[in-house]
N, C-alpha and C. Protein backbone atom coordinates (compact mmCIF):
# COMPACT_ATOMS: atom_id res chain seq x y z
N MET A 1 -46.35 0.80 -26.89
CA MET A 1 -46.00 0.29 -25.58
C MET A 1 -44.50 0.43 -25.38
N SER A 2 -44.10 1.02 -24.29
CA SER A 2 -42.68 1.23 -24.00
C SER A 2 -42.22 0.17 -23.00
N LEU A 3 -41.12 -0.49 -23.33
CA LEU A 3 -40.57 -1.51 -22.44
C LEU A 3 -39.70 -0.84 -21.38
N PRO A 4 -39.68 -1.41 -20.17
CA PRO A 4 -38.83 -0.83 -19.13
C PRO A 4 -37.36 -1.07 -19.45
N SER A 5 -36.52 -0.18 -18.96
CA SER A 5 -35.09 -0.33 -19.15
C SER A 5 -34.50 -1.02 -17.93
N VAL A 6 -33.43 -1.75 -18.12
CA VAL A 6 -32.76 -2.45 -17.04
C VAL A 6 -31.34 -1.91 -16.99
N SER A 7 -30.84 -1.62 -15.78
CA SER A 7 -29.48 -1.10 -15.67
C SER A 7 -28.48 -2.19 -16.04
N ARG A 8 -27.31 -1.76 -16.41
CA ARG A 8 -26.25 -2.70 -16.81
C ARG A 8 -25.85 -3.58 -15.63
N ARG A 9 -25.83 -3.03 -14.43
CA ARG A 9 -25.46 -3.84 -13.26
C ARG A 9 -26.52 -4.90 -12.97
N THR A 10 -27.78 -4.54 -13.10
CA THR A 10 -28.85 -5.52 -12.92
C THR A 10 -28.74 -6.61 -13.97
N SER A 11 -28.49 -6.22 -15.20
CA SER A 11 -28.34 -7.19 -16.28
C SER A 11 -27.16 -8.12 -16.00
N ALA A 12 -26.06 -7.58 -15.52
CA ALA A 12 -24.88 -8.40 -15.20
C ALA A 12 -25.20 -9.38 -14.07
N ALA A 13 -25.90 -8.92 -13.05
CA ALA A 13 -26.25 -9.80 -11.92
C ALA A 13 -27.16 -10.93 -12.36
N VAL A 14 -28.18 -10.60 -13.14
CA VAL A 14 -29.10 -11.63 -13.63
C VAL A 14 -28.36 -12.59 -14.57
N THR A 15 -27.48 -12.06 -15.41
CA THR A 15 -26.71 -12.90 -16.32
C THR A 15 -25.81 -13.85 -15.53
N PHE A 16 -25.17 -13.35 -14.47
CA PHE A 16 -24.33 -14.21 -13.62
C PHE A 16 -25.15 -15.34 -13.02
N ILE A 17 -26.28 -15.01 -12.42
CA ILE A 17 -27.12 -16.02 -11.75
C ILE A 17 -27.66 -17.03 -12.75
N ALA A 18 -28.19 -16.54 -13.87
CA ALA A 18 -28.78 -17.45 -14.86
C ALA A 18 -27.73 -18.32 -15.54
N THR A 19 -26.57 -17.76 -15.85
CA THR A 19 -25.51 -18.55 -16.48
C THR A 19 -24.99 -19.61 -15.52
N THR A 20 -24.80 -19.23 -14.27
CA THR A 20 -24.35 -20.19 -13.26
C THR A 20 -25.38 -21.31 -13.10
N ALA A 21 -26.66 -20.94 -13.04
CA ALA A 21 -27.72 -21.96 -12.92
C ALA A 21 -27.74 -22.87 -14.15
N TYR A 22 -27.54 -22.29 -15.31
CA TYR A 22 -27.53 -23.06 -16.57
C TYR A 22 -26.46 -24.14 -16.51
N TYR A 23 -25.24 -23.75 -16.20
CA TYR A 23 -24.14 -24.71 -16.23
C TYR A 23 -24.08 -25.61 -15.00
N ALA A 24 -24.65 -25.20 -13.88
CA ALA A 24 -24.66 -26.02 -12.67
C ALA A 24 -25.85 -26.96 -12.63
N SER A 25 -26.78 -26.82 -13.55
CA SER A 25 -28.01 -27.62 -13.51
C SER A 25 -27.78 -29.14 -13.46
N PRO A 26 -26.74 -29.69 -14.09
CA PRO A 26 -26.56 -31.15 -13.98
C PRO A 26 -26.31 -31.62 -12.54
N ASP A 27 -25.83 -30.74 -11.66
CA ASP A 27 -25.62 -31.12 -10.27
C ASP A 27 -26.94 -31.19 -9.50
N VAL A 28 -27.95 -30.52 -9.98
CA VAL A 28 -29.22 -30.42 -9.26
C VAL A 28 -30.32 -31.23 -9.95
N VAL A 29 -30.34 -31.21 -11.27
CA VAL A 29 -31.40 -31.85 -12.04
C VAL A 29 -30.80 -33.01 -12.83
N ARG A 30 -31.15 -34.24 -12.46
CA ARG A 30 -30.59 -35.41 -13.13
C ARG A 30 -31.34 -35.77 -14.41
N SER A 31 -32.64 -35.46 -14.48
CA SER A 31 -33.42 -35.78 -15.68
C SER A 31 -33.00 -34.89 -16.85
N ARG A 32 -32.62 -35.51 -17.95
CA ARG A 32 -32.18 -34.74 -19.12
C ARG A 32 -33.29 -33.84 -19.65
N ARG A 33 -34.51 -34.36 -19.69
CA ARG A 33 -35.65 -33.59 -20.19
C ARG A 33 -35.91 -32.36 -19.32
N THR A 34 -35.90 -32.54 -18.01
CA THR A 34 -36.13 -31.42 -17.10
C THR A 34 -34.98 -30.43 -17.18
N ARG A 35 -33.77 -30.95 -17.29
CA ARG A 35 -32.59 -30.07 -17.39
C ARG A 35 -32.66 -29.22 -18.67
N THR A 36 -33.14 -29.81 -19.75
CA THR A 36 -33.30 -29.05 -21.00
C THR A 36 -34.29 -27.91 -20.80
N ARG A 37 -35.36 -28.17 -20.08
CA ARG A 37 -36.35 -27.12 -19.80
C ARG A 37 -35.76 -26.02 -18.92
N VAL A 38 -35.02 -26.43 -17.90
CA VAL A 38 -34.38 -25.44 -17.01
C VAL A 38 -33.40 -24.58 -17.81
N LYS A 39 -32.59 -25.21 -18.64
CA LYS A 39 -31.62 -24.47 -19.43
C LYS A 39 -32.32 -23.53 -20.42
N GLY A 40 -33.40 -23.99 -21.01
CA GLY A 40 -34.18 -23.13 -21.92
C GLY A 40 -34.72 -21.91 -21.19
N ALA A 41 -35.19 -22.12 -19.97
CA ALA A 41 -35.70 -20.99 -19.18
C ALA A 41 -34.57 -20.00 -18.87
N MET A 42 -33.38 -20.51 -18.55
CA MET A 42 -32.25 -19.63 -18.25
C MET A 42 -31.83 -18.83 -19.48
N VAL A 43 -31.85 -19.46 -20.65
CA VAL A 43 -31.53 -18.74 -21.89
C VAL A 43 -32.57 -17.64 -22.11
N GLY A 44 -33.84 -17.94 -21.84
CA GLY A 44 -34.89 -16.94 -21.98
C GLY A 44 -34.70 -15.76 -21.04
N VAL A 45 -34.35 -16.04 -19.79
CA VAL A 45 -34.12 -14.97 -18.82
C VAL A 45 -32.97 -14.08 -19.26
N ILE A 46 -31.87 -14.69 -19.66
CA ILE A 46 -30.70 -13.91 -20.10
C ILE A 46 -31.06 -13.08 -21.33
N SER A 47 -31.78 -13.68 -22.26
CA SER A 47 -32.15 -12.96 -23.49
C SER A 47 -33.03 -11.75 -23.21
N VAL A 48 -34.04 -11.94 -22.38
CA VAL A 48 -34.95 -10.83 -22.08
C VAL A 48 -34.21 -9.70 -21.38
N VAL A 49 -33.42 -10.03 -20.37
CA VAL A 49 -32.69 -8.99 -19.64
C VAL A 49 -31.69 -8.29 -20.55
N SER A 50 -31.02 -9.04 -21.41
CA SER A 50 -30.06 -8.43 -22.33
C SER A 50 -30.75 -7.49 -23.30
N LEU A 51 -31.90 -7.90 -23.81
CA LEU A 51 -32.64 -7.04 -24.73
C LEU A 51 -33.13 -5.77 -24.05
N LEU A 52 -33.59 -5.90 -22.82
CA LEU A 52 -34.08 -4.73 -22.10
C LEU A 52 -32.95 -3.77 -21.74
N GLU A 53 -31.75 -4.31 -21.48
CA GLU A 53 -30.62 -3.46 -21.12
C GLU A 53 -30.00 -2.82 -22.36
N ALA A 54 -29.89 -3.58 -23.43
CA ALA A 54 -29.13 -3.10 -24.59
C ALA A 54 -29.97 -2.39 -25.64
N ARG A 55 -31.28 -2.43 -25.51
CA ARG A 55 -32.10 -1.85 -26.57
C ARG A 55 -31.87 -0.34 -26.67
N PRO A 56 -31.70 0.14 -27.87
CA PRO A 56 -31.52 1.59 -28.02
C PRO A 56 -32.86 2.30 -27.91
N ASP A 57 -32.83 3.53 -27.40
CA ASP A 57 -34.07 4.30 -27.32
C ASP A 57 -34.58 4.64 -28.71
N ARG A 58 -33.66 4.86 -29.62
CA ARG A 58 -34.04 5.10 -31.02
C ARG A 58 -32.84 4.73 -31.89
N PRO A 59 -33.10 4.28 -33.10
CA PRO A 59 -31.98 3.90 -33.96
C PRO A 59 -31.15 5.11 -34.37
N ASP A 60 -29.89 4.89 -34.59
CA ASP A 60 -28.99 5.95 -35.05
C ASP A 60 -29.16 6.06 -36.57
N PRO A 61 -29.75 7.17 -37.05
CA PRO A 61 -30.02 7.26 -38.49
C PRO A 61 -28.75 7.25 -39.34
N GLU A 62 -27.64 7.77 -38.82
CA GLU A 62 -26.40 7.76 -39.59
C GLU A 62 -25.92 6.34 -39.85
N THR A 63 -25.98 5.49 -38.82
CA THR A 63 -25.52 4.12 -38.96
C THR A 63 -26.43 3.33 -39.88
N SER A 64 -27.74 3.43 -39.68
CA SER A 64 -28.66 2.64 -40.51
C SER A 64 -28.59 3.09 -41.97
N ASP A 65 -28.43 4.38 -42.23
CA ASP A 65 -28.30 4.86 -43.61
C ASP A 65 -27.00 4.36 -44.24
N ALA A 66 -25.92 4.33 -43.46
CA ALA A 66 -24.64 3.88 -43.99
C ALA A 66 -24.70 2.40 -44.37
N VAL A 67 -25.34 1.59 -43.54
CA VAL A 67 -25.46 0.16 -43.84
C VAL A 67 -26.27 -0.03 -45.11
N GLU A 68 -27.40 0.66 -45.22
CA GLU A 68 -28.23 0.56 -46.43
C GLU A 68 -27.45 1.01 -47.67
N GLU A 69 -26.65 2.06 -47.51
CA GLU A 69 -25.87 2.57 -48.63
C GLU A 69 -24.84 1.55 -49.09
N VAL A 70 -24.13 0.95 -48.14
CA VAL A 70 -23.11 -0.05 -48.49
C VAL A 70 -23.76 -1.27 -49.14
N LEU A 71 -24.83 -1.78 -48.54
CA LEU A 71 -25.49 -2.95 -49.12
C LEU A 71 -26.08 -2.65 -50.49
N GLY A 72 -26.59 -1.43 -50.65
CA GLY A 72 -27.16 -1.04 -51.93
C GLY A 72 -26.12 -0.90 -53.02
N SER A 73 -24.89 -0.64 -52.64
CA SER A 73 -23.83 -0.46 -53.64
C SER A 73 -23.26 -1.79 -54.13
N LEU A 74 -23.61 -2.91 -53.49
CA LEU A 74 -23.08 -4.21 -53.88
C LEU A 74 -23.89 -4.79 -55.03
N SER A 75 -23.22 -5.53 -55.89
CA SER A 75 -23.92 -6.23 -56.98
C SER A 75 -24.67 -7.42 -56.40
N GLY A 76 -25.51 -8.02 -57.19
CA GLY A 76 -26.25 -9.20 -56.75
C GLY A 76 -25.34 -10.35 -56.35
N ARG A 77 -24.29 -10.52 -57.12
CA ARG A 77 -23.33 -11.59 -56.82
C ARG A 77 -22.61 -11.31 -55.49
N GLU A 78 -22.24 -10.06 -55.27
CA GLU A 78 -21.56 -9.68 -54.01
C GLU A 78 -22.52 -9.83 -52.82
N GLN A 79 -23.78 -9.48 -53.00
CA GLN A 79 -24.75 -9.64 -51.93
C GLN A 79 -24.94 -11.13 -51.61
N ALA A 80 -24.98 -11.97 -52.64
CA ALA A 80 -25.11 -13.41 -52.44
C ALA A 80 -23.89 -13.95 -51.69
N ALA A 81 -22.70 -13.49 -52.06
CA ALA A 81 -21.48 -13.93 -51.39
C ALA A 81 -21.48 -13.49 -49.93
N LEU A 82 -21.91 -12.25 -49.68
CA LEU A 82 -21.99 -11.75 -48.31
C LEU A 82 -23.00 -12.56 -47.51
N GLY A 83 -24.12 -12.90 -48.13
CA GLY A 83 -25.12 -13.74 -47.46
C GLY A 83 -24.58 -15.11 -47.14
N ALA A 84 -23.83 -15.69 -48.06
CA ALA A 84 -23.23 -17.01 -47.84
C ALA A 84 -22.23 -16.97 -46.68
N VAL A 85 -21.44 -15.90 -46.64
CA VAL A 85 -20.48 -15.74 -45.54
C VAL A 85 -21.23 -15.62 -44.21
N ALA A 86 -22.31 -14.83 -44.21
CA ALA A 86 -23.10 -14.66 -42.99
C ALA A 86 -23.68 -16.00 -42.52
N VAL A 87 -24.23 -16.78 -43.45
CA VAL A 87 -24.77 -18.10 -43.10
C VAL A 87 -23.65 -18.99 -42.58
N GLY A 88 -22.48 -18.96 -43.20
CA GLY A 88 -21.35 -19.75 -42.74
C GLY A 88 -20.92 -19.38 -41.33
N VAL A 89 -20.92 -18.09 -41.04
CA VAL A 89 -20.54 -17.63 -39.70
C VAL A 89 -21.56 -18.11 -38.67
N VAL A 90 -22.83 -18.00 -38.99
CA VAL A 90 -23.88 -18.43 -38.05
C VAL A 90 -23.81 -19.94 -37.82
N VAL A 91 -23.71 -20.72 -38.90
CA VAL A 91 -23.64 -22.18 -38.76
C VAL A 91 -22.35 -22.58 -38.03
N GLY A 92 -21.23 -21.99 -38.40
CA GLY A 92 -19.97 -22.29 -37.73
C GLY A 92 -20.02 -21.93 -36.25
N GLY A 93 -20.62 -20.79 -35.95
CA GLY A 93 -20.76 -20.38 -34.55
C GLY A 93 -21.64 -21.35 -33.76
N ALA A 94 -22.73 -21.78 -34.38
CA ALA A 94 -23.62 -22.73 -33.71
C ALA A 94 -22.91 -24.06 -33.45
N LEU A 95 -22.15 -24.53 -34.43
CA LEU A 95 -21.41 -25.78 -34.25
C LEU A 95 -20.34 -25.64 -33.17
N ALA A 96 -19.67 -24.49 -33.13
CA ALA A 96 -18.65 -24.24 -32.11
C ALA A 96 -19.29 -24.21 -30.71
N VAL A 97 -20.43 -23.56 -30.60
CA VAL A 97 -21.13 -23.50 -29.31
C VAL A 97 -21.54 -24.91 -28.88
N ARG A 98 -22.06 -25.69 -29.82
CA ARG A 98 -22.47 -27.06 -29.48
C ARG A 98 -21.28 -27.87 -29.00
N ALA A 99 -20.15 -27.76 -29.68
CA ALA A 99 -18.95 -28.50 -29.27
C ALA A 99 -18.48 -28.04 -27.88
N ALA A 100 -18.52 -26.75 -27.64
CA ALA A 100 -18.10 -26.23 -26.34
C ALA A 100 -19.03 -26.70 -25.23
N GLU A 101 -20.33 -26.69 -25.50
CA GLU A 101 -21.30 -27.15 -24.50
C GLU A 101 -21.08 -28.62 -24.16
N ARG A 102 -20.84 -29.42 -25.18
CA ARG A 102 -20.61 -30.84 -24.95
C ARG A 102 -19.32 -31.05 -24.14
N TRP A 103 -18.27 -30.28 -24.45
CA TRP A 103 -17.02 -30.41 -23.72
C TRP A 103 -17.21 -30.00 -22.26
N ILE A 104 -17.91 -28.90 -22.02
CA ILE A 104 -18.14 -28.43 -20.65
C ILE A 104 -18.90 -29.47 -19.85
N PHE A 105 -19.95 -30.04 -20.45
CA PHE A 105 -20.72 -31.07 -19.75
C PHE A 105 -19.85 -32.30 -19.47
N ALA A 106 -19.10 -32.76 -20.47
CA ALA A 106 -18.25 -33.93 -20.29
C ALA A 106 -17.19 -33.68 -19.22
N HIS A 107 -16.65 -32.46 -19.18
CA HIS A 107 -15.66 -32.10 -18.16
C HIS A 107 -16.28 -32.23 -16.77
N GLY A 108 -17.48 -31.72 -16.60
CA GLY A 108 -18.18 -31.84 -15.32
C GLY A 108 -18.46 -33.28 -14.95
N GLU A 109 -18.84 -34.08 -15.93
CA GLU A 109 -19.10 -35.50 -15.66
C GLU A 109 -17.82 -36.23 -15.26
N ARG A 110 -16.70 -35.87 -15.89
CA ARG A 110 -15.42 -36.47 -15.48
C ARG A 110 -15.08 -36.07 -14.04
N ARG A 111 -15.35 -34.81 -13.70
CA ARG A 111 -15.11 -34.36 -12.31
C ARG A 111 -16.01 -35.12 -11.34
N ARG A 112 -17.28 -35.33 -11.73
CA ARG A 112 -18.21 -36.07 -10.89
C ARG A 112 -17.71 -37.52 -10.71
N ALA A 113 -17.27 -38.15 -11.80
CA ALA A 113 -16.80 -39.53 -11.75
C ALA A 113 -15.56 -39.68 -10.85
N SER A 114 -14.77 -38.61 -10.76
CA SER A 114 -13.58 -38.67 -9.91
C SER A 114 -13.91 -38.38 -8.45
N GLY A 115 -15.19 -38.17 -8.14
CA GLY A 115 -15.61 -38.01 -6.75
C GLY A 115 -15.83 -36.58 -6.29
N LYS A 116 -15.72 -35.61 -7.17
CA LYS A 116 -15.94 -34.21 -6.79
C LYS A 116 -17.43 -33.98 -6.53
N ARG A 117 -17.73 -33.34 -5.42
CA ARG A 117 -19.12 -32.94 -5.14
C ARG A 117 -19.40 -31.66 -5.90
N LEU A 118 -20.62 -31.52 -6.37
CA LEU A 118 -21.03 -30.35 -7.15
C LEU A 118 -20.01 -30.09 -8.28
N ALA A 119 -19.76 -31.13 -9.03
CA ALA A 119 -18.71 -31.11 -10.05
C ALA A 119 -18.95 -30.07 -11.14
N HIS A 120 -20.20 -29.77 -11.44
CA HIS A 120 -20.51 -28.80 -12.49
C HIS A 120 -20.57 -27.37 -11.94
N THR A 121 -20.73 -27.22 -10.64
CA THR A 121 -20.98 -25.90 -10.06
C THR A 121 -19.76 -24.99 -10.06
N ALA A 122 -18.58 -25.51 -9.73
CA ALA A 122 -17.40 -24.64 -9.69
C ALA A 122 -17.10 -24.03 -11.06
N PRO A 123 -17.07 -24.83 -12.14
CA PRO A 123 -16.89 -24.22 -13.46
C PRO A 123 -18.05 -23.29 -13.83
N ALA A 124 -19.25 -23.61 -13.35
CA ALA A 124 -20.43 -22.78 -13.65
C ALA A 124 -20.28 -21.38 -13.07
N VAL A 125 -19.71 -21.28 -11.88
CA VAL A 125 -19.49 -19.96 -11.26
C VAL A 125 -18.49 -19.16 -12.09
N VAL A 126 -17.45 -19.81 -12.56
CA VAL A 126 -16.45 -19.13 -13.41
C VAL A 126 -17.10 -18.65 -14.70
N LEU A 127 -17.89 -19.51 -15.34
CA LEU A 127 -18.57 -19.12 -16.58
C LEU A 127 -19.59 -18.01 -16.34
N GLY A 128 -20.28 -18.05 -15.19
CA GLY A 128 -21.22 -16.99 -14.84
C GLY A 128 -20.51 -15.66 -14.65
N ALA A 129 -19.36 -15.69 -13.98
CA ALA A 129 -18.58 -14.46 -13.78
C ALA A 129 -18.07 -13.91 -15.10
N ALA A 130 -17.63 -14.79 -16.00
CA ALA A 130 -17.16 -14.33 -17.31
C ALA A 130 -18.30 -13.71 -18.10
N SER A 131 -19.47 -14.31 -18.03
CA SER A 131 -20.64 -13.76 -18.74
C SER A 131 -21.02 -12.39 -18.19
N ALA A 132 -21.02 -12.26 -16.87
CA ALA A 132 -21.34 -10.97 -16.25
C ALA A 132 -20.31 -9.91 -16.63
N ALA A 133 -19.05 -10.30 -16.72
CA ALA A 133 -18.01 -9.35 -17.10
C ALA A 133 -18.22 -8.84 -18.52
N THR A 134 -18.69 -9.70 -19.42
CA THR A 134 -18.95 -9.24 -20.78
C THR A 134 -20.09 -8.24 -20.83
N VAL A 135 -21.05 -8.38 -19.92
CA VAL A 135 -22.16 -7.42 -19.87
C VAL A 135 -21.66 -6.07 -19.37
N LEU A 136 -20.73 -6.10 -18.43
CA LEU A 136 -20.22 -4.85 -17.85
C LEU A 136 -19.18 -4.15 -18.72
N ALA A 137 -18.58 -4.88 -19.65
CA ALA A 137 -17.57 -4.28 -20.52
C ALA A 137 -18.20 -3.20 -21.40
N PRO A 138 -17.52 -2.05 -21.55
CA PRO A 138 -18.10 -0.99 -22.40
C PRO A 138 -18.06 -1.36 -23.87
N TRP A 139 -19.05 -0.90 -24.60
CA TRP A 139 -19.11 -1.10 -26.05
C TRP A 139 -18.12 -0.15 -26.71
N PRO A 140 -17.60 -0.51 -27.87
CA PRO A 140 -16.70 0.41 -28.57
C PRO A 140 -17.38 1.77 -28.81
N GLY A 141 -16.67 2.82 -28.50
CA GLY A 141 -17.20 4.18 -28.70
C GLY A 141 -18.10 4.64 -27.57
N GLU A 142 -18.34 3.80 -26.59
CA GLU A 142 -19.20 4.17 -25.47
C GLU A 142 -18.43 5.06 -24.50
N ARG A 143 -19.08 6.10 -24.06
CA ARG A 143 -18.43 6.98 -23.07
C ARG A 143 -18.62 6.40 -21.69
N ARG A 144 -17.56 6.40 -20.93
CA ARG A 144 -17.64 5.94 -19.55
C ARG A 144 -17.96 7.11 -18.66
N THR A 145 -18.91 6.89 -17.79
CA THR A 145 -19.25 7.94 -16.81
C THR A 145 -18.56 7.61 -15.51
N SER A 146 -17.87 8.58 -14.95
CA SER A 146 -17.11 8.32 -13.72
C SER A 146 -17.91 8.59 -12.52
């Protein structure tokens, strides 16, 4: 089964809309449980569109062989150390994301408490635009078509 491809511009537009909806949801949805579901749906939408846009038609055999060669040349102790570093990066990244999410929400709540209408929406638009820009940015080594 072949999955459809999504253009980079379509992916950027969907990412902008879904990211903005994700971060603006506290202005629209007051129930924490419902907001969690809405945010989960937005993460799903972004993930699917990103996978459809970024998926390679076929793996690059030179790259996959090089990775296998490098990993195969490491001793067991070096592989364990590399694995530990990878786990540390993932856990550290998750903790950083959690801290950032909490700060963003608290910032919006402070804006709401000071009387701002749609206190979460203005920062949400900025975050949505930043997310869309990352989708449109070329990958290293990617040729730009004019």
